[in-house]
Amino acid sequence: MVVHFIKENALAALKINVKGNSKWYGCPTNSWIYEYFDGEDPFVEFKLQMEDFELCNQKNDVENAICLYTAMKGLSDTQAADERLWAGLCHNDFWGFLHERWKGNKVKGDPESSLLWRYFFHTKSSVRRALFRNTLSRLWWLGRLTYEEGRKDPFELTRYFEKDFSTKSLILFSSNFMGNKQLTRGLISALIELESHGFTLGTSKRDIYYLASQYLNIYGGTHILDYYTAEEIKEKILRHMWGLAGKRETERKG
């Protein structure tokens, strides 16, 4: 399968004029883009060998993340942080998917901001947050951070995001340790275990995700987290969370 990234000058032109072009983002095809550039092709073939794949049009972000990452696992982190790649895919190979995913880009409020988040890397955001908000890059990065080859199901940690995808992934991508696989896997493994035990603090489940992530961010302020394995991170988080609930270690393991 051949996919395409967008040329730097074409990316800049579309991005700066997104407000004026907003009506075209409701079109089912991207033919307007070629007219916009007077017939010149703004896209370039991306040299990455991959098998053919399709993303489903339903709002199944986890299955789409698994599908996209499986097909594009050969990307380097540097390539996967390049706006030209994701903006190119959004405006070309997966235009139809985005059209269906966002229901023709009907939005409440400011359409310019929504389009910048969905199709580009929003300039008012950090690169990390932009990676999470772009429709396609967030799917790849979720797979990148949660895929673990040694497990019976390599995407077991990815499937943790099937419920409350937006909140869980926002917390993950907002964390200082976002690029570290071991820390990410340790955190998610701990959260999965907490859920399996029906862990509660008498607050919403979202507070549990936030508190566990917050603890890791704070702990990382005084310790070099890169030295820890995923299992060690998991145990530290579990001890902390059960401690917040007033449970002793023996009660937790019992």
C-alpha atoms as a PDB file:
ATOM      1  CA  MET A   1       0.000   0.000   0.000  1.00  0.00           C
ATOM      2  CA  VAL A   2       1.265   3.463  -0.903  1.00  0.00           C
ATOM      3  CA  VAL A   3       0.559   6.422   1.365  1.00  0.00           C
ATOM      4  CA  HIS A   4       1.536  10.061   1.008  1.00  0.00           C
ATOM      5  CA  PHE A   5       2.853  12.965   3.016  1.00  0.00           C
ATOM      6  CA  ILE A   6       2.265  16.590   2.095  1.00  0.00           C
ATOM      7  CA  LYS A   7       4.902  19.002   0.828  1.00  0.00           C
ATOM      8  CA  GLU A   8       6.078  21.626   3.294  1.00  0.00           C
ATOM      9  CA  ASN A   9       4.859  24.615   1.281  1.00  0.00           C
ATOM     10  CA  ALA A  10       1.465  22.989   0.636  1.00  0.00           C
ATOM     11  CA  LEU A  11       1.092  22.222   4.333  1.00  0.00           C
ATOM     12  CA  ALA A  12       1.813  25.849   5.222  1.00  0.00           C
ATOM     13  CA  ALA A  13      -0.655  27.127   2.610  1.00  0.00           C
ATOM     14  CA  LEU A  14      -3.506  24.892   3.764  1.00  0.00           C
ATOM     15  CA  LYS A  15      -2.835  25.579   7.402  1.00  0.00           C
ATOM     16  CA  ILE A  16      -2.748  29.366   7.156  1.00  0.00           C
ATOM     17  CA  ASN A  17      -5.905  29.404   5.024  1.00  0.00           C
ATOM     18  CA  VAL A  18      -7.875  26.770   6.932  1.00  0.00           C
ATOM     19  CA  LYS A  19     -10.567  29.257   7.923  1.00  0.00           C
ATOM     20  CA  GLY A  20     -11.216  30.291   4.348  1.00  0.00           C
ATOM     21  CA  ASN A  21     -11.195  26.663   3.212  1.00  0.00           C
ATOM     22  CA  SER A  22     -13.358  25.382   6.070  1.00  0.00           C
ATOM     23  CA  LYS A  23     -16.399  24.776   3.844  1.00  0.00           C
ATOM     24  CA  TRP A  24     -14.396  22.358   1.696  1.00  0.00           C
ATOM     25  CA  TYR A  25     -13.635  20.114   4.659  1.00  0.00           C
ATOM     26  CA  GLY A  26     -17.259  19.011   4.565  1.00  0.00           C
ATOM     27  CA  CYS A  27     -16.803  17.503   1.071  1.00  0.00           C
ATOM     28  CA  PRO A  28     -16.756  13.694   0.724  1.00  0.00           C
ATOM     29  CA  THR A  29     -13.706  13.853  -1.580  1.00  0.00           C
ATOM     30  CA  ASN A  30     -10.498  15.891  -1.542  1.00  0.00           C
ATOM     31  CA  SER A  31     -10.620  16.973  -5.202  1.00  0.00           C
ATOM     32  CA  TRP A  32     -10.800  20.626  -4.083  1.00  0.00           C
ATOM     33  CA  ILE A  33      -7.205  20.409  -2.836  1.00  0.00           C
ATOM     34  CA  TYR A  34      -5.844  19.818  -6.345  1.00  0.00           C
ATOM     35  CA  GLU A  35      -7.929  22.715  -7.656  1.00  0.00           C
ATOM     36  CA  TYR A  36      -6.616  24.859  -4.808  1.00  0.00           C
ATOM     37  CA  PHE A  37      -3.048  24.198  -5.998  1.00  0.00           C
ATOM     38  CA  ASP A  38      -3.953  24.731  -9.698  1.00  0.00           C
ATOM     39  CA  GLY A  39      -3.544  21.078 -10.581  1.00  0.00           C
ATOM     40  CA  GLU A  40      -0.128  20.690  -8.962  1.00  0.00           C
ATOM     41  CA  ASP A  41       0.130  17.590  -6.799  1.00  0.00           C
ATOM     42  CA  PRO A  42       0.825  18.726  -3.203  1.00  0.00           C
ATOM     43  CA  PHE A  43       1.497  15.159  -2.048  1.00  0.00           C
ATOM     44  CA  VAL A  44       4.598  12.964  -2.197  1.00  0.00           C
ATOM     45  CA  GLU A  45       4.759   9.188  -1.933  1.00  0.00           C
ATOM     46  CA  PHE A  46       6.012   8.046   1.457  1.00  0.00           C
ATOM     47  CA  LYS A  47       8.697   5.376   1.165  1.00  0.00           C
ATOM     48  CA  LEU A  48       7.449   2.832   3.673  1.00  0.00           C
ATOM     49  CA  GLN A  49       6.486  -0.679   2.664  1.00  0.00           C
ATOM     50  CA  MET A  50       3.232  -1.840   4.233  1.00  0.00           C
ATOM     51  CA  GLU A  51       0.361  -4.192   3.558  1.00  0.00           C
ATOM     52  CA  ASP A  52      -3.005  -2.841   2.464  1.00  0.00           C
ATOM     53  CA  PHE A  53      -5.274  -1.846   5.333  1.00  0.00           C
ATOM     54  CA  GLU A  54      -8.467   0.070   5.990  1.00  0.00           C
ATOM     55  CA  LEU A  55      -9.709   1.958   9.026  1.00  0.00           C
ATOM     56  CA  CYS A  56     -13.315   1.402  10.036  1.00  0.00           C
ATOM     57  CA  ASN A  57     -15.638   4.391   9.831  1.00  0.00           C
ATOM     58  CA  GLN A  58     -17.216   3.782  13.206  1.00  0.00           C
ATOM     59  CA  LYS A  59     -15.830   5.590  16.235  1.00  0.00           C
ATOM     60  CA  ASN A  60     -13.787   2.552  17.256  1.00  0.00           C
ATOM     61  CA  ASP A  61     -10.556   4.313  18.091  1.00  0.00           C
ATOM     62  CA  VAL A  62      -8.869   1.309  19.690  1.00  0.00           C
ATOM     63  CA  GLU A  63      -9.455  -1.055  16.760  1.00  0.00           C
ATOM     64  CA  ASN A  64      -8.305   1.663  14.390  1.00  0.00           C
ATOM     65  CA  ALA A  65      -5.194   2.234  16.503  1.00  0.00           C
ATOM     66  CA  ILE A  66      -4.372  -1.471  16.344  1.00  0.00           C
ATOM     67  CA  CYS A  67      -4.948  -1.556  12.586  1.00  0.00           C
ATOM     68  CA  LEU A  68      -2.933   1.587  11.851  1.00  0.00           C
ATOM     69  CA  TYR A  69      -0.007   0.735  14.101  1.00  0.00           C
ATOM     70  CA  THR A  70       0.187  -2.845  12.815  1.00  0.00           C
ATOM     71  CA  ALA A  71       0.433  -1.586   9.242  1.00  0.00           C
ATOM     72  CA  MET A  72       2.811   1.305   9.982  1.00  0.00           C
ATOM     73  CA  LYS A  73       4.921  -0.256  12.706  1.00  0.00           C
ATOM     74  CA  GLY A  74       8.011   0.469  10.621  1.00  0.00           C
ATOM     75  CA  LEU A  75       7.800   4.210  11.301  1.00  0.00           C
ATOM     76  CA  SER A  76      10.556   5.706  13.407  1.00  0.00           C
ATOM     77  CA  ASP A  77       9.584   8.003  16.276  1.00  0.00           C
ATOM     78  CA  THR A  78      11.017  10.926  14.321  1.00  0.00           C
ATOM     79  CA  GLN A  79       8.912  10.143  11.270  1.00  0.00           C
ATOM     80  CA  ALA A  80       5.852   9.661  13.480  1.00  0.00           C
ATOM     81  CA  ALA A  81       6.300  13.137  14.963  1.00  0.00           C
ATOM     82  CA  ASP A  82       6.366  14.837  11.550  1.00  0.00           C
ATOM     83  CA  GLU A  83       3.276  16.917  10.816  1.00  0.00           C
ATOM     84  CA  ARG A  84       3.797  16.515   7.064  1.00  0.00           C
ATOM     85  CA  LEU A  85       3.078  12.795   7.337  1.00  0.00           C
ATOM     86  CA  TRP A  86      -0.121  12.979   9.366  1.00  0.00           C
ATOM     87  CA  ALA A  87      -1.469  16.061   7.605  1.00  0.00           C
ATOM     88  CA  GLY A  88      -0.751  14.329   4.302  1.00  0.00           C
ATOM     89  CA  LEU A  89      -2.611  11.180   5.327  1.00  0.00           C
ATOM     90  CA  CYS A  90      -5.521  13.225   6.651  1.00  0.00           C
ATOM     91  CA  HIS A  91      -5.813  15.264   3.459  1.00  0.00           C
ATOM     92  CA  ASN A  92      -5.233  12.423   1.013  1.00  0.00           C
ATOM     93  CA  ASP A  93      -5.228   8.669   1.705  1.00  0.00           C
ATOM     94  CA  PHE A  94      -7.649   8.847   4.636  1.00  0.00           C
ATOM     95  CA  TRP A  95      -9.762  11.832   3.623  1.00  0.00           C
ATOM     96  CA  GLY A  96     -12.834   9.604   3.389  1.00  0.00           C
ATOM     97  CA  PHE A  97     -12.189   8.113   6.808  1.00  0.00           C
ATOM     98  CA  LEU A  98     -11.947  11.547   8.439  1.00  0.00           C
ATOM     99  CA  HIS A  99     -15.061  12.693   6.619  1.00  0.00           C
ATOM    100  CA  GLU A 100     -17.017   9.765   8.087  1.00  0.00           C
ATOM    101  CA  ARG A 101     -15.294   9.924  11.473  1.00  0.00           C
ATOM    102  CA  TRP A 102     -16.220  13.560  11.996  1.00  0.00           C
ATOM    103  CA  LYS A 103     -19.591  13.428  10.195  1.00  0.00           C
ATOM    104  CA  GLY A 104     -18.601  15.899   7.522  1.00  0.00           C
ATOM    105  CA  ASN A 105     -16.837  18.090  10.104  1.00  0.00           C
ATOM    106  CA  LYS A 106     -20.015  19.524  11.527  1.00  0.00           C
ATOM    107  CA  VAL A 107     -18.900  21.262  14.709  1.00  0.00           C
ATOM    108  CA  LYS A 108     -20.269  23.571  17.340  1.00  0.00           C
ATOM    109  CA  GLY A 109     -18.252  26.699  17.944  1.00  0.00           C
ATOM    110  CA  ASP A 110     -15.081  27.570  16.053  1.00  0.00           C
ATOM    111  CA  PRO A 111     -14.618  25.323  12.968  1.00  0.00           C
ATOM    112  CA  GLU A 112     -11.093  26.633  12.370  1.00  0.00           C
ATOM    113  CA  SER A 113      -9.799  25.327  15.678  1.00  0.00           C
ATOM    114  CA  SER A 114     -11.506  21.952  15.219  1.00  0.00           C
ATOM    115  CA  LEU A 115     -10.013  21.522  11.754  1.00  0.00           C
ATOM    116  CA  LEU A 116      -6.546  22.447  12.962  1.00  0.00           C
ATOM    117  CA  TRP A 117      -6.760  19.795  15.683  1.00  0.00           C
ATOM    118  CA  ARG A 118      -8.171  17.104  13.399  1.00  0.00           C
ATOM    119  CA  TYR A 119      -6.141  17.587  10.206  1.00  0.00           C
ATOM    120  CA  PHE A 120      -2.939  19.333  11.320  1.00  0.00           C
ATOM    121  CA  PHE A 121      -0.801  19.934  14.401  1.00  0.00           C
ATOM    122  CA  HIS A 122      -2.421  22.930  16.093  1.00  0.00           C
ATOM    123  CA  THR A 123       0.124  25.730  16.394  1.00  0.00           C
ATOM    124  CA  LYS A 124      -1.278  26.802  19.764  1.00  0.00           C
ATOM    125  CA  SER A 125      -0.275  23.498  21.301  1.00  0.00           C
ATOM    126  CA  SER A 126       2.858  21.608  22.263  1.00  0.00           C
ATOM    127  CA  VAL A 127       3.961  18.899  19.834  1.00  0.00           C
ATOM    128  CA  ARG A 128       3.035  16.277  22.415  1.00  0.00           C
ATOM    129  CA  ARG A 129      -0.537  17.500  22.698  1.00  0.00           C
ATOM    130  CA  ALA A 130      -0.791  17.945  18.942  1.00  0.00           C
ATOM    131  CA  LEU A 131       0.230  14.310  18.443  1.00  0.00           C
ATOM    132  CA  PHE A 132      -2.663  13.307  20.652  1.00  0.00           C
ATOM    133  CA  ARG A 133      -5.247  15.552  19.028  1.00  0.00           C
ATOM    134  CA  ASN A 134      -4.542  14.829  15.369  1.00  0.00           C
ATOM    135  CA  THR A 135      -7.061  12.198  14.211  1.00  0.00           C
ATOM    136  CA  LEU A 136      -4.509   9.727  12.863  1.00  0.00           C
ATOM    137  CA  SER A 137      -1.285  10.388  14.752  1.00  0.00           C
ATOM    138  CA  ARG A 138      -2.955   9.726  18.101  1.00  0.00           C
ATOM    139  CA  LEU A 139      -3.970   6.272  16.882  1.00  0.00           C
ATOM    140  CA  TRP A 140      -0.414   5.376  15.854  1.00  0.00           C
ATOM    141  CA  TRP A 141       1.124   6.744  19.046  1.00  0.00           C
ATOM    142  CA  LEU A 142      -1.337   4.869  21.219  1.00  0.00           C
ATOM    143  CA  GLY A 143      -0.229   1.683  19.498  1.00  0.00           C
ATOM    144  CA  ARG A 144       3.427   2.678  19.750  1.00  0.00           C
ATOM    145  CA  LEU A 145       3.270   3.215  23.509  1.00  0.00           C
ATOM    146  CA  THR A 146       1.113   0.232  24.417  1.00  0.00           C
ATOM    147  CA  TYR A 147       2.165  -2.543  22.010  1.00  0.00           C
ATOM    148  CA  GLU A 148       4.109  -5.242  23.858  1.00  0.00           C
ATOM    149  CA  GLU A 149       5.357  -8.134  21.780  1.00  0.00           C
ATOM    150  CA  GLY A 150       5.937 -10.536  24.674  1.00  0.00           C
ATOM    151  CA  ARG A 151       2.284 -10.714  25.695  1.00  0.00           C
ATOM    152  CA  LYS A 152      -0.168 -13.357  24.451  1.00  0.00           C
ATOM    153  CA  ASP A 153      -2.094 -10.445  22.965  1.00  0.00           C
ATOM    154  CA  PRO A 154       0.493  -7.778  22.072  1.00  0.00           C
ATOM    155  CA  PHE A 155      -2.297  -5.193  22.149  1.00  0.00           C
ATOM    156  CA  GLU A 156      -3.637  -6.120  25.579  1.00  0.00           C
ATOM    157  CA  LEU A 157      -2.617  -2.762  27.023  1.00  0.00           C
ATOM    158  CA  THR A 158      -4.046  -0.952  24.005  1.00  0.00           C
ATOM    159  CA  ARG A 159      -7.457  -2.507  24.657  1.00  0.00           C
ATOM    160  CA  TYR A 160      -7.492  -0.862  28.074  1.00  0.00           C
ATOM    161  CA  PHE A 161      -8.538   2.293  26.202  1.00  0.00           C
ATOM    162  CA  GLU A 162     -11.731   0.741  24.796  1.00  0.00           C
ATOM    163  CA  LYS A 163     -13.705   2.442  27.552  1.00  0.00           C
ATOM    164  CA  ASP A 164     -13.351   6.188  28.077  1.00  0.00           C
ATOM    165  CA  PHE A 165     -10.812   6.506  25.254  1.00  0.00           C
ATOM    166  CA  SER A 166     -10.641  10.297  25.210  1.00  0.00           C
ATOM    167  CA  THR A 167      -9.996  10.764  28.936  1.00  0.00           C
ATOM    168  CA  LYS A 168      -7.502   7.929  29.312  1.00  0.00           C
ATOM    169  CA  SER A 169      -5.524   8.870  26.230  1.00  0.00           C
ATOM    170  CA  LEU A 170      -5.519  12.571  27.138  1.00  0.00           C
ATOM    171  CA  ILE A 171      -4.001  11.758  30.539  1.00  0.00           C
ATOM    172  CA  LEU A 172      -1.430   9.474  28.932  1.00  0.00           C
ATOM    173  CA  PHE A 173      -0.391  11.966  26.271  1.00  0.00           C
ATOM    174  CA  SER A 174      -0.278  14.857  28.737  1.00  0.00           C
ATOM    175  CA  SER A 175       2.203  13.075  30.971  1.00  0.00           C
ATOM    176  CA  ASN A 176       5.872  13.969  31.097  1.00  0.00           C
ATOM    177  CA  PHE A 177       6.819  10.326  30.497  1.00  0.00           C
ATOM    178  CA  MET A 178       4.749   9.961  27.327  1.00  0.00           C
ATOM    179  CA  GLY A 179       7.689   8.818  25.191  1.00  0.00           C
ATOM    180  CA  ASN A 180       8.900   6.081  27.553  1.00  0.00           C
ATOM    181  CA  LYS A 181       7.406   2.663  26.797  1.00  0.00           C
ATOM    182  CA  GLN A 182       8.382   1.108  30.122  1.00  0.00           C
ATOM    183  CA  LEU A 183       6.720   3.827  32.160  1.00  0.00           C
ATOM    184  CA  THR A 184       3.614   3.818  29.999  1.00  0.00           C
ATOM    185  CA  ARG A 185       3.278   0.045  30.210  1.00  0.00           C
ATOM    186  CA  GLY A 186       3.827   0.064  33.960  1.00  0.00           C
ATOM    187  CA  LEU A 187       1.146   2.711  34.442  1.00  0.00           C
ATOM    188  CA  ILE A 188      -1.437   0.995  32.265  1.00  0.00           C
ATOM    189  CA  SER A 189      -0.716  -2.423  33.792  1.00  0.00           C
ATOM    190  CA  ALA A 190      -1.304  -0.934  37.249  1.00  0.00           C
ATOM    191  CA  LEU A 191      -4.564   0.688  36.152  1.00  0.00           C
ATOM    192  CA  ILE A 192      -5.786  -2.580  34.634  1.00  0.00           C
ATOM    193  CA  GLU A 193      -5.088  -4.396  37.896  1.00  0.00           C
ATOM    194  CA  LEU A 194      -6.826  -1.701  39.916  1.00  0.00           C
ATOM    195  CA  GLU A 195      -9.900  -2.000  37.717  1.00  0.00           C
ATOM    196  CA  SER A 196      -9.889  -5.783  38.005  1.00  0.00           C
ATOM    197  CA  HIS A 197     -10.032  -5.419  41.811  1.00  0.00           C
ATOM    198  CA  GLY A 198     -12.860  -2.896  41.628  1.00  0.00           C
ATOM    199  CA  PHE A 199     -10.590  -0.243  43.121  1.00  0.00           C
ATOM    200  CA  THR A 200     -12.339   2.936  44.166  1.00  0.00           C
ATOM    201  CA  LEU A 201     -11.571   6.078  46.110  1.00  0.00           C
ATOM    202  CA  GLY A 202     -15.189   7.090  46.346  1.00  0.00           C
ATOM    203  CA  THR A 203     -14.679   9.409  43.379  1.00  0.00           C
ATOM    204  CA  SER A 204     -15.019   9.014  39.627  1.00  0.00           C
ATOM    205  CA  LYS A 205     -12.887   6.521  37.704  1.00  0.00           C
ATOM    206  CA  ARG A 206     -11.305   9.433  35.906  1.00  0.00           C
ATOM    207  CA  ASP A 207      -9.827  10.615  39.197  1.00  0.00           C
ATOM    208  CA  ILE A 208      -8.056   7.267  39.502  1.00  0.00           C
ATOM    209  CA  TYR A 209      -6.395   7.667  36.093  1.00  0.00           C
ATOM    210  CA  TYR A 210      -5.395  11.209  36.986  1.00  0.00           C
ATOM    211  CA  LEU A 211      -4.031  10.401  40.458  1.00  0.00           C
ATOM    212  CA  ALA A 212      -1.950   7.466  39.233  1.00  0.00           C
ATOM    213  CA  SER A 213      -0.463   9.543  36.429  1.00  0.00           C
ATOM    214  CA  GLN A 214       0.078  12.507  38.736  1.00  0.00           C
ATOM    215  CA  TYR A 215       1.955  10.315  41.205  1.00  0.00           C
ATOM    216  CA  LEU A 216       4.295   9.106  38.456  1.00  0.00           C
ATOM    217  CA  ASN A 217       4.932  12.658  37.272  1.00  0.00           C
ATOM    218  CA  ILE A 218       5.739  13.799  40.815  1.00  0.00           C
ATOM    219  CA  TYR A 219       7.878  10.752  41.554  1.00  0.00           C
ATOM    220  CA  GLY A 220       9.787  11.426  38.352  1.00  0.00           C
ATOM    221  CA  GLY A 221      10.693  14.852  39.690  1.00  0.00           C
ATOM    222  CA  THR A 222      13.019  13.306  42.263  1.00  0.00           C
ATOM    223  CA  HIS A 223      13.941   9.982  40.639  1.00  0.00           C
ATOM    224  CA  ILE A 224      15.310   8.928  37.252  1.00  0.00           C
ATOM    225  CA  LEU A 225      12.364   6.918  36.004  1.00  0.00           C
ATOM    226  CA  ASP A 226      14.251   5.598  32.980  1.00  0.00           C
ATOM    227  CA  TYR A 227      16.095   3.219  35.301  1.00  0.00           C
ATOM    228  CA  TYR A 228      12.909   1.394  36.323  1.00  0.00           C
ATOM    229  CA  THR A 229      11.300  -1.553  34.576  1.00  0.00           C
ATOM    230  CA  ALA A 230       7.602  -1.607  33.723  1.00  0.00           C
ATOM    231  CA  GLU A 231       6.986  -4.091  36.542  1.00  0.00           C
ATOM    232  CA  GLU A 232       8.734  -1.868  39.099  1.00  0.00           C
ATOM    233  CA  ILE A 233       6.702   1.131  37.969  1.00  0.00           C
ATOM    234  CA  LYS A 234       3.517  -0.902  38.199  1.00  0.00           C
ATOM    235  CA  GLU A 235       4.275  -1.952  41.795  1.00  0.00           C
ATOM    236  CA  LYS A 236       5.105   1.582  42.878  1.00  0.00           C
ATOM    237  CA  ILE A 237       1.829   2.880  41.486  1.00  0.00           C
ATOM    238  CA  LEU A 238      -0.174   0.056  43.070  1.00  0.00           C
ATOM    239  CA  ARG A 239       1.375   0.650  46.492  1.00  0.00           C
ATOM    240  CA  HIS A 240       0.661   4.357  46.197  1.00  0.00           C
ATOM    241  CA  MET A 241      -2.936   3.933  45.073  1.00  0.00           C
ATOM    242  CA  TRP A 242      -3.818   1.289  47.642  1.00  0.00           C
ATOM    243  CA  GLY A 243      -2.185   3.494  50.242  1.00  0.00           C
ATOM    244  CA  LEU A 244      -4.516   6.326  49.249  1.00  0.00           C
ATOM    245  CA  ALA A 245      -7.404   3.950  49.809  1.00  0.00           C
ATOM    246  CA  GLY A 246      -6.070   3.050  53.262  1.00  0.00           C
ATOM    247  CA  LYS A 247      -5.215  -0.526  52.316  1.00  0.00           C
ATOM    248  CA  ARG A 248      -2.133  -2.360  53.527  1.00  0.00           C
ATOM    249  CA  GLU A 249       0.071  -4.361  51.156  1.00  0.00           C
ATOM    250  CA  THR A 250      -1.170  -7.665  52.569  1.00  0.00           C
ATOM    251  CA  GLU A 251      -4.792  -6.654  51.974  1.00  0.00           C
ATOM    252  CA  ARG A 252      -4.036  -5.710  48.393  1.00  0.00           C
ATOM    253  CA  LYS A 253      -2.310  -8.990  47.549  1.00  0.00           C
ATOM    254  CA  GLY A 254      -4.921 -10.983  49.398  1.00  0.00           C
END
